[in-house]
Amino acid sequence: MYTVEFWDKKSPINKVSAEKYLTANPEMEDVNVILLRSGNIITRIEDPDILRSVYKWEGKTDEEVAQLYLEHVSKEDNN
């Protein structure tokens, strides 16, 4: 079972410090980063703008995109 949350850009991701992650992924500095979690492990790290484009979710808020993505991934895993 997955959960979704927005990253605070201060907490580590899978034991990688926020500073190190952002240094390696500077494009994530200015977006509301979506984290998909399974238990204590972050399994996916997503930019809501990219998800909007890929899945044709234009006009949806970041929160709506996060929820739609959670539903999409959960459905995908059940197939």
C-alpha atoms as a PDB file:
ATOM      1  CA  MET A   1       0.000   0.000   0.000  1.00  0.00           C
ATOM      2  CA  TYR A   2       1.251   3.423  -0.958  1.00  0.00           C
ATOM      3  CA  THR A   3       0.875   6.823   0.612  1.00  0.00           C
ATOM      4  CA  VAL A   4       1.623  10.172  -0.969  1.00  0.00           C
ATOM      5  CA  GLU A   5       3.036  13.311   0.582  1.00  0.00           C
ATOM      6  CA  PHE A   6       4.800  16.512  -0.349  1.00  0.00           C
ATOM      7  CA  TRP A   7       8.476  16.746   0.506  1.00  0.00           C
ATOM      8  CA  ASP A   8       9.488  19.492   2.945  1.00  0.00           C
ATOM      9  CA  LYS A   9      12.954  19.673   1.300  1.00  0.00           C
ATOM     10  CA  LYS A  10      14.531  19.312   4.742  1.00  0.00           C
ATOM     11  CA  SER A  11      13.963  15.622   5.486  1.00  0.00           C
ATOM     12  CA  PRO A  12      16.237  12.982   3.971  1.00  0.00           C
ATOM     13  CA  ILE A  13      14.951  10.738   1.202  1.00  0.00           C
ATOM     14  CA  ASN A  14      15.852   7.108   1.791  1.00  0.00           C
ATOM     15  CA  LYS A  15      18.768   8.178   3.997  1.00  0.00           C
ATOM     16  CA  VAL A  16      20.060  10.705   1.435  1.00  0.00           C
ATOM     17  CA  SER A  17      20.220  14.176   2.951  1.00  0.00           C
ATOM     18  CA  ALA A  18      17.982  16.846   1.495  1.00  0.00           C
ATOM     19  CA  GLU A  19      21.039  18.952   0.669  1.00  0.00           C
ATOM     20  CA  LYS A  20      22.682  16.126  -1.267  1.00  0.00           C
ATOM     21  CA  TYR A  21      19.459  15.264  -3.117  1.00  0.00           C
ATOM     22  CA  LEU A  22      18.849  18.882  -4.136  1.00  0.00           C
ATOM     23  CA  THR A  23      22.455  19.322  -5.229  1.00  0.00           C
ATOM     24  CA  ALA A  24      22.070  16.325  -7.533  1.00  0.00           C
ATOM     25  CA  ASN A  25      18.563  17.384  -8.655  1.00  0.00           C
ATOM     26  CA  PRO A  26      18.505  21.195  -8.719  1.00  0.00           C
ATOM     27  CA  GLU A  27      15.358  21.207 -10.873  1.00  0.00           C
ATOM     28  CA  MET A  28      13.441  20.049  -7.780  1.00  0.00           C
ATOM     29  CA  GLU A  29      14.309  23.192  -5.778  1.00  0.00           C
ATOM     30  CA  ASP A  30      11.388  25.207  -7.126  1.00  0.00           C
ATOM     31  CA  VAL A  31       8.646  22.563  -7.373  1.00  0.00           C
ATOM     32  CA  ASN A  32       6.282  21.004  -4.864  1.00  0.00           C
ATOM     33  CA  VAL A  33       7.915  17.540  -4.889  1.00  0.00           C
ATOM     34  CA  ILE A  34       5.570  14.552  -4.580  1.00  0.00           C
ATOM     35  CA  LEU A  35       6.878  11.531  -2.680  1.00  0.00           C
ATOM     36  CA  LEU A  36       5.253   8.130  -3.060  1.00  0.00           C
ATOM     37  CA  ARG A  37       5.953   6.017  -0.006  1.00  0.00           C
ATOM     38  CA  SER A  38       5.636   2.301   0.611  1.00  0.00           C
ATOM     39  CA  GLY A  39       6.153   1.754   4.329  1.00  0.00           C
ATOM     40  CA  ASN A  40       9.321   3.622   5.266  1.00  0.00           C
ATOM     41  CA  ILE A  41      10.729   3.692   1.738  1.00  0.00           C
ATOM     42  CA  ILE A  42      10.228   6.427  -0.827  1.00  0.00           C
ATOM     43  CA  THR A  43       9.604   4.537  -4.064  1.00  0.00           C
ATOM     44  CA  ARG A  44       8.970   7.458  -6.421  1.00  0.00           C
ATOM     45  CA  ILE A  45       9.872  11.127  -6.477  1.00  0.00           C
ATOM     46  CA  GLU A  46       7.830  13.226  -8.884  1.00  0.00           C
ATOM     47  CA  ASP A  47       7.397  16.753 -10.168  1.00  0.00           C
ATOM     48  CA  PRO A  48       3.661  17.534 -10.383  1.00  0.00           C
ATOM     49  CA  ASP A  49       4.178  19.596 -13.564  1.00  0.00           C
ATOM     50  CA  ILE A  50       5.648  16.581 -15.345  1.00  0.00           C
ATOM     51  CA  LEU A  51       2.800  14.361 -14.113  1.00  0.00           C
ATOM     52  CA  ARG A  52       0.268  16.929 -15.392  1.00  0.00           C
ATOM     53  CA  SER A  53       1.867  16.819 -18.810  1.00  0.00           C
ATOM     54  CA  VAL A  54       2.283  13.027 -19.039  1.00  0.00           C
ATOM     55  CA  TYR A  55      -1.182  12.125 -17.758  1.00  0.00           C
ATOM     56  CA  LYS A  56      -3.071  15.127 -19.221  1.00  0.00           C
ATOM     57  CA  TRP A  57      -4.054  16.484 -15.795  1.00  0.00           C
ATOM     58  CA  GLU A  58      -3.779  20.144 -16.800  1.00  0.00           C
ATOM     59  CA  GLY A  59      -5.786  22.455 -14.558  1.00  0.00           C
ATOM     60  CA  LYS A  60      -5.423  20.190 -11.510  1.00  0.00           C
ATOM     61  CA  THR A  61      -3.829  21.509  -8.317  1.00  0.00           C
ATOM     62  CA  ASP A  62      -0.677  19.890  -6.948  1.00  0.00           C
ATOM     63  CA  GLU A  63      -2.803  18.198  -4.288  1.00  0.00           C
ATOM     64  CA  GLU A  64      -5.190  16.812  -6.914  1.00  0.00           C
ATOM     65  CA  VAL A  65      -2.273  15.592  -9.023  1.00  0.00           C
ATOM     66  CA  ALA A  66      -0.762  13.833  -6.000  1.00  0.00           C
ATOM     67  CA  GLN A  67      -4.041  12.048  -5.268  1.00  0.00           C
ATOM     68  CA  LEU A  68      -4.595  11.085  -8.922  1.00  0.00           C
ATOM     69  CA  TYR A  69      -1.044   9.768  -9.127  1.00  0.00           C
ATOM     70  CA  LEU A  70      -1.519   7.704  -5.969  1.00  0.00           C
ATOM     71  CA  GLU A  71      -4.690   6.190  -7.457  1.00  0.00           C
ATOM     72  CA  HIS A  72      -2.928   5.542 -10.780  1.00  0.00           C
ATOM     73  CA  VAL A  73       0.059   3.775  -9.204  1.00  0.00           C
ATOM     74  CA  SER A  74      -2.147   1.768  -6.845  1.00  0.00           C
ATOM     75  CA  LYS A  75      -4.309   0.613  -9.761  1.00  0.00           C
ATOM     76  CA  GLU A  76      -1.183  -0.181 -11.827  1.00  0.00           C
ATOM     77  CA  ASP A  77       0.162  -2.409  -9.034  1.00  0.00           C
ATOM     78  CA  ASN A  78      -3.111  -4.316  -8.821  1.00  0.00           C
ATOM     79  CA  ASN A  79      -2.935  -5.369 -12.479  1.00  0.00           C
END
